[in-house]
Amino acid sequence: MEIVIFLVPWVLIGIGILFVSFSGGPGEARRAYLTRGNRAFGIAIPLIYIAFGIAVPALVLSSREENAGATASLANEDLSAELERGKELFRQTCASCHDLDAINANGVTGPDLDEIGEVTPERIVTAIRIGGTGANRMPAGLVEGENAEAVARYVAAVAGK
């Protein structure tokens, strides 16, 4: 679906270039479109642009609605109150750094939590408590206590699934 959305503008540009080329240049294309052109052609081109102008955003919005807020393995189940709280805390505190497919998080510095291997609540609580290592070090204690446990349980429930 994304490839179609990507290609549509380029196809329209290509059609425009072909029209200009076969008309004999920009000036001739303008005259052909505005004055000499077939009446049906003068109506068809704006209708095509209007149709694509409606269809492309509609496709983008419909594909976003399917994925918005989805949790991979828990998509059809109701999240418990604690998992919901963990999800919201992760979104507020962690999503800017970490990738997590369950909430479409695309972090820029931290590891992709869907690809780090075994994810247990204990491992996540420890990582939150002591912080990260390396150049893009995660600060220790970003969330604490019950909030850290809620984030850990949520991530453990959805990461890599």
C-alpha atoms as a PDB file:
ATOM      1  CA  MET A   1       0.000   0.000   0.000  1.00  0.00           C
ATOM      2  CA  GLU A   2       2.798   2.439   0.913  1.00  0.00           C
ATOM      3  CA  ILE A   3       4.496   1.814  -2.417  1.00  0.00           C
ATOM      4  CA  VAL A   4       1.332   2.874  -4.257  1.00  0.00           C
ATOM      5  CA  ILE A   5       1.125   6.050  -2.205  1.00  0.00           C
ATOM      6  CA  PHE A   6       4.780   6.742  -2.963  1.00  0.00           C
ATOM      7  CA  LEU A   7       4.422   6.096  -6.703  1.00  0.00           C
ATOM      8  CA  VAL A   8       1.214   8.069  -7.402  1.00  0.00           C
ATOM      9  CA  PRO A   9       2.817  11.556  -7.306  1.00  0.00           C
ATOM     10  CA  TRP A  10       5.683  10.370  -9.514  1.00  0.00           C
ATOM     11  CA  VAL A  11       3.274   8.895 -12.057  1.00  0.00           C
ATOM     12  CA  LEU A  12       1.347  12.168 -12.148  1.00  0.00           C
ATOM     13  CA  ILE A  13       4.568  14.123 -12.657  1.00  0.00           C
ATOM     14  CA  GLY A  14       5.506  11.718 -15.465  1.00  0.00           C
ATOM     15  CA  ILE A  15       2.152  12.251 -17.157  1.00  0.00           C
ATOM     16  CA  GLY A  16       2.659  16.004 -16.917  1.00  0.00           C
ATOM     17  CA  ILE A  17       6.150  15.761 -18.426  1.00  0.00           C
ATOM     18  CA  LEU A  18       4.854  13.613 -21.291  1.00  0.00           C
ATOM     19  CA  PHE A  19       2.069  16.118 -21.971  1.00  0.00           C
ATOM     20  CA  VAL A  20       4.530  19.004 -22.062  1.00  0.00           C
ATOM     21  CA  SER A  21       6.957  17.017 -24.243  1.00  0.00           C
ATOM     22  CA  PHE A  22       4.393  15.934 -26.803  1.00  0.00           C
ATOM     23  CA  SER A  23       2.843  19.379 -26.935  1.00  0.00           C
ATOM     24  CA  GLY A  24       6.092  21.019 -28.022  1.00  0.00           C
ATOM     25  CA  GLY A  25       7.323  22.616 -24.815  1.00  0.00           C
ATOM     26  CA  PRO A  26       5.863  24.474 -21.829  1.00  0.00           C
ATOM     27  CA  GLY A  27       4.374  27.360 -23.815  1.00  0.00           C
ATOM     28  CA  GLU A  28       2.691  25.068 -26.325  1.00  0.00           C
ATOM     29  CA  ALA A  29       1.443  22.775 -23.576  1.00  0.00           C
ATOM     30  CA  ARG A  30      -0.110  25.750 -21.777  1.00  0.00           C
ATOM     31  CA  ARG A  31      -1.820  26.906 -24.973  1.00  0.00           C
ATOM     32  CA  ALA A  32      -2.985  23.378 -25.799  1.00  0.00           C
ATOM     33  CA  TYR A  33      -4.423  22.924 -22.346  1.00  0.00           C
ATOM     34  CA  LEU A  34      -6.033  26.354 -22.068  1.00  0.00           C
ATOM     35  CA  THR A  35      -7.109  27.126 -25.630  1.00  0.00           C
ATOM     36  CA  ARG A  36      -6.736  24.474 -28.335  1.00  0.00           C
ATOM     37  CA  GLY A  37      -7.207  21.410 -26.204  1.00  0.00           C
ATOM     38  CA  ASN A  38     -10.147  19.133 -26.484  1.00  0.00           C
ATOM     39  CA  ARG A  39     -12.959  20.133 -24.128  1.00  0.00           C
ATOM     40  CA  ALA A  40     -13.020  16.646 -22.592  1.00  0.00           C
ATOM     41  CA  PHE A  41      -9.273  16.841 -21.930  1.00  0.00           C
ATOM     42  CA  GLY A  42      -9.697  20.208 -20.203  1.00  0.00           C
ATOM     43  CA  ILE A  43     -12.256  18.639 -17.884  1.00  0.00           C
ATOM     44  CA  ALA A  44     -10.531  15.255 -17.444  1.00  0.00           C
ATOM     45  CA  ILE A  45      -7.174  16.552 -16.162  1.00  0.00           C
ATOM     46  CA  PRO A  46      -8.617  18.573 -13.242  1.00  0.00           C
ATOM     47  CA  LEU A  47     -10.925  15.657 -12.373  1.00  0.00           C
ATOM     48  CA  ILE A  48      -7.964  13.255 -12.318  1.00  0.00           C
ATOM     49  CA  TYR A  49      -6.037  15.574 -10.016  1.00  0.00           C
ATOM     50  CA  ILE A  50      -9.044  16.006  -7.739  1.00  0.00           C
ATOM     51  CA  ALA A  51      -9.617  12.225  -7.636  1.00  0.00           C
ATOM     52  CA  PHE A  52      -5.973  11.561  -6.717  1.00  0.00           C
ATOM     53  CA  GLY A  53      -6.062  14.454  -4.264  1.00  0.00           C
ATOM     54  CA  ILE A  54      -8.876  12.697  -2.425  1.00  0.00           C
ATOM     55  CA  ALA A  55      -7.779   9.073  -2.943  1.00  0.00           C
ATOM     56  CA  VAL A  56      -4.166   9.388  -1.764  1.00  0.00           C
ATOM     57  CA  PRO A  57      -4.955  11.043   1.591  1.00  0.00           C
ATOM     58  CA  ALA A  58      -7.822   8.583   2.088  1.00  0.00           C
ATOM     59  CA  LEU A  59      -5.428   5.659   1.582  1.00  0.00           C
ATOM     60  CA  VAL A  60      -2.921   7.158   3.994  1.00  0.00           C
ATOM     61  CA  LEU A  61      -5.558   7.751   6.661  1.00  0.00           C
ATOM     62  CA  SER A  62      -7.090   4.301   6.279  1.00  0.00           C
ATOM     63  CA  SER A  63      -3.701   2.603   6.630  1.00  0.00           C
ATOM     64  CA  ARG A  64      -2.963   4.633   9.759  1.00  0.00           C
ATOM     65  CA  GLU A  65      -6.293   3.719  11.370  1.00  0.00           C
ATOM     66  CA  GLU A  66      -5.517   0.015  10.960  1.00  0.00           C
ATOM     67  CA  ASN A  67      -2.185   0.374  12.781  1.00  0.00           C
ATOM     68  CA  ALA A  68      -2.923   3.155  15.242  1.00  0.00           C
ATOM     69  CA  GLY A  69      -2.367   2.008  18.794  1.00  0.00           C
ATOM     70  CA  ALA A  70      -2.326  -1.647  17.850  1.00  0.00           C
ATOM     71  CA  THR A  71      -0.582  -4.008  20.199  1.00  0.00           C
ATOM     72  CA  ALA A  72       0.696  -6.955  18.253  1.00  0.00           C
ATOM     73  CA  SER A  73      -0.219  -9.885  20.464  1.00  0.00           C
ATOM     74  CA  LEU A  74      -2.833  -8.069  22.524  1.00  0.00           C
ATOM     75  CA  ALA A  75      -4.708  -6.404  19.661  1.00  0.00           C
ATOM     76  CA  ASN A  76      -7.994  -8.206  20.311  1.00  0.00           C
ATOM     77  CA  GLU A  77      -7.721  -8.415  24.077  1.00  0.00           C
ATOM     78  CA  ASP A  78      -8.466  -5.688  26.548  1.00  0.00           C
ATOM     79  CA  LEU A  79      -5.314  -4.521  28.259  1.00  0.00           C
ATOM     80  CA  SER A  80      -5.470  -4.587  32.001  1.00  0.00           C
ATOM     81  CA  ALA A  81      -5.405  -1.239  33.772  1.00  0.00           C
ATOM     82  CA  GLU A  82      -1.753  -1.775  34.692  1.00  0.00           C
ATOM     83  CA  LEU A  83      -0.756  -2.623  31.107  1.00  0.00           C
ATOM     84  CA  GLU A  84      -2.652   0.415  29.853  1.00  0.00           C
ATOM     85  CA  ARG A  85      -0.811   2.563  32.398  1.00  0.00           C
ATOM     86  CA  GLY A  86       2.491   0.974  31.336  1.00  0.00           C
ATOM     87  CA  LYS A  87       1.659   1.614  27.699  1.00  0.00           C
ATOM     88  CA  GLU A  88       0.935   5.277  28.373  1.00  0.00           C
ATOM     89  CA  LEU A  89       4.060   5.708  30.528  1.00  0.00           C
ATOM     90  CA  PHE A  90       6.165   4.045  27.814  1.00  0.00           C
ATOM     91  CA  ARG A  91       4.647   6.356  25.215  1.00  0.00           C
ATOM     92  CA  GLN A  92       5.426   9.439  27.347  1.00  0.00           C
ATOM     93  CA  THR A  93       8.861   8.473  28.649  1.00  0.00           C
ATOM     94  CA  CYS A  94      10.468   5.861  26.403  1.00  0.00           C
ATOM     95  CA  ALA A  95       9.018   6.016  22.870  1.00  0.00           C
ATOM     96  CA  SER A  96      11.215   8.906  21.748  1.00  0.00           C
ATOM     97  CA  CYS A  97      14.326   6.726  22.248  1.00  0.00           C
ATOM     98  CA  HIS A  98      13.192   3.096  21.753  1.00  0.00           C
ATOM     99  CA  ASP A  99      11.508   1.273  18.873  1.00  0.00           C
ATOM    100  CA  LEU A 100       8.482  -0.782  19.855  1.00  0.00           C
ATOM    101  CA  ASP A 101       6.195  -2.065  17.112  1.00  0.00           C
ATOM    102  CA  ALA A 102       3.206  -2.477  19.437  1.00  0.00           C
ATOM    103  CA  ILE A 103       2.689   1.296  19.621  1.00  0.00           C
ATOM    104  CA  ASN A 104       4.516   2.257  16.418  1.00  0.00           C
ATOM    105  CA  ALA A 105       7.331   3.850  18.445  1.00  0.00           C
ATOM    106  CA  ASN A 106      10.334   4.762  16.305  1.00  0.00           C
ATOM    107  CA  GLY A 107      12.987   5.913  18.731  1.00  0.00           C
ATOM    108  CA  VAL A 108      16.282   7.334  17.554  1.00  0.00           C
ATOM    109  CA  THR A 109      18.886   6.421  20.190  1.00  0.00           C
ATOM    110  CA  GLY A 110      17.887   3.387  22.242  1.00  0.00           C
ATOM    111  CA  PRO A 111      17.761  -0.243  21.175  1.00  0.00           C
ATOM    112  CA  ASP A 112      14.812  -1.725  19.314  1.00  0.00           C
ATOM    113  CA  LEU A 113      12.952  -3.528  22.091  1.00  0.00           C
ATOM    114  CA  ASP A 114      11.405  -5.962  19.601  1.00  0.00           C
ATOM    115  CA  GLU A 115      14.876  -7.257  18.706  1.00  0.00           C
ATOM    116  CA  ILE A 116      16.826  -7.457  21.984  1.00  0.00           C
ATOM    117  CA  GLY A 117      16.116 -11.099  22.753  1.00  0.00           C
ATOM    118  CA  GLU A 118      14.464 -12.269  25.934  1.00  0.00           C
ATOM    119  CA  VAL A 119      12.448  -9.450  27.438  1.00  0.00           C
ATOM    120  CA  THR A 120      11.346 -10.037  31.024  1.00  0.00           C
ATOM    121  CA  PRO A 121       9.841  -7.544  33.451  1.00  0.00           C
ATOM    122  CA  GLU A 122      12.817  -8.068  35.792  1.00  0.00           C
ATOM    123  CA  ARG A 123      15.332  -7.274  33.044  1.00  0.00           C
ATOM    124  CA  ILE A 124      13.447  -4.126  32.072  1.00  0.00           C
ATOM    125  CA  VAL A 125      13.043  -2.910  35.662  1.00  0.00           C
ATOM    126  CA  THR A 126      16.800  -3.388  36.157  1.00  0.00           C
ATOM    127  CA  ALA A 127      17.598  -1.465  32.969  1.00  0.00           C
ATOM    128  CA  ILE A 128      15.290   1.378  34.049  1.00  0.00           C
ATOM    129  CA  ARG A 129      16.800   1.448  37.546  1.00  0.00           C
ATOM    130  CA  ILE A 130      20.501   1.434  36.549  1.00  0.00           C
ATOM    131  CA  GLY A 131      20.216   3.148  33.165  1.00  0.00           C
ATOM    132  CA  GLY A 132      21.852   2.261  29.904  1.00  0.00           C
ATOM    133  CA  THR A 133      25.400   1.870  28.686  1.00  0.00           C
ATOM    134  CA  GLY A 134      27.308   3.192  25.688  1.00  0.00           C
ATOM    135  CA  ALA A 135      27.419   6.562  23.963  1.00  0.00           C
ATOM    136  CA  ASN A 136      23.655   7.157  24.039  1.00  0.00           C
ATOM    137  CA  ARG A 137      23.322   6.258  27.676  1.00  0.00           C
ATOM    138  CA  MET A 138      19.816   6.047  29.128  1.00  0.00           C
ATOM    139  CA  PRO A 139      19.546   8.007  32.380  1.00  0.00           C
ATOM    140  CA  ALA A 140      18.879   5.891  35.457  1.00  0.00           C
ATOM    141  CA  GLY A 141      15.462   6.028  37.089  1.00  0.00           C
ATOM    142  CA  LEU A 142      13.403   7.648  34.319  1.00  0.00           C
ATOM    143  CA  VAL A 143      10.371   6.017  35.920  1.00  0.00           C
ATOM    144  CA  GLU A 144      10.362   4.538  39.390  1.00  0.00           C
ATOM    145  CA  GLY A 145       8.472   2.155  41.645  1.00  0.00           C
ATOM    146  CA  GLU A 146       5.099   0.970  40.427  1.00  0.00           C
ATOM    147  CA  ASN A 147       5.428   3.036  37.258  1.00  0.00           C
ATOM    148  CA  ALA A 148       8.657   1.250  36.307  1.00  0.00           C
ATOM    149  CA  GLU A 149       7.003  -2.100  36.976  1.00  0.00           C
ATOM    150  CA  ALA A 150       3.988  -1.131  34.843  1.00  0.00           C
ATOM    151  CA  VAL A 151       6.269  -0.134  31.945  1.00  0.00           C
ATOM    152  CA  ALA A 152       8.264  -3.349  32.359  1.00  0.00           C
ATOM    153  CA  ARG A 153       5.175  -5.571  32.336  1.00  0.00           C
ATOM    154  CA  TYR A 154       3.788  -3.785  29.277  1.00  0.00           C
ATOM    155  CA  VAL A 155       7.044  -4.035  27.312  1.00  0.00           C
ATOM    156  CA  ALA A 156       7.502  -7.688  28.311  1.00  0.00           C
ATOM    157  CA  ALA A 157       3.937  -8.425  27.161  1.00  0.00           C
ATOM    158  CA  VAL A 158       4.303  -6.867  23.700  1.00  0.00           C
ATOM    159  CA  ALA A 159       7.980  -6.717  22.700  1.00  0.00           C
ATOM    160  CA  GLY A 160       8.872  -8.948  19.789  1.00  0.00           C
ATOM    161  CA  LYS A 161       5.333 -10.243  19.334  1.00  0.00           C
END
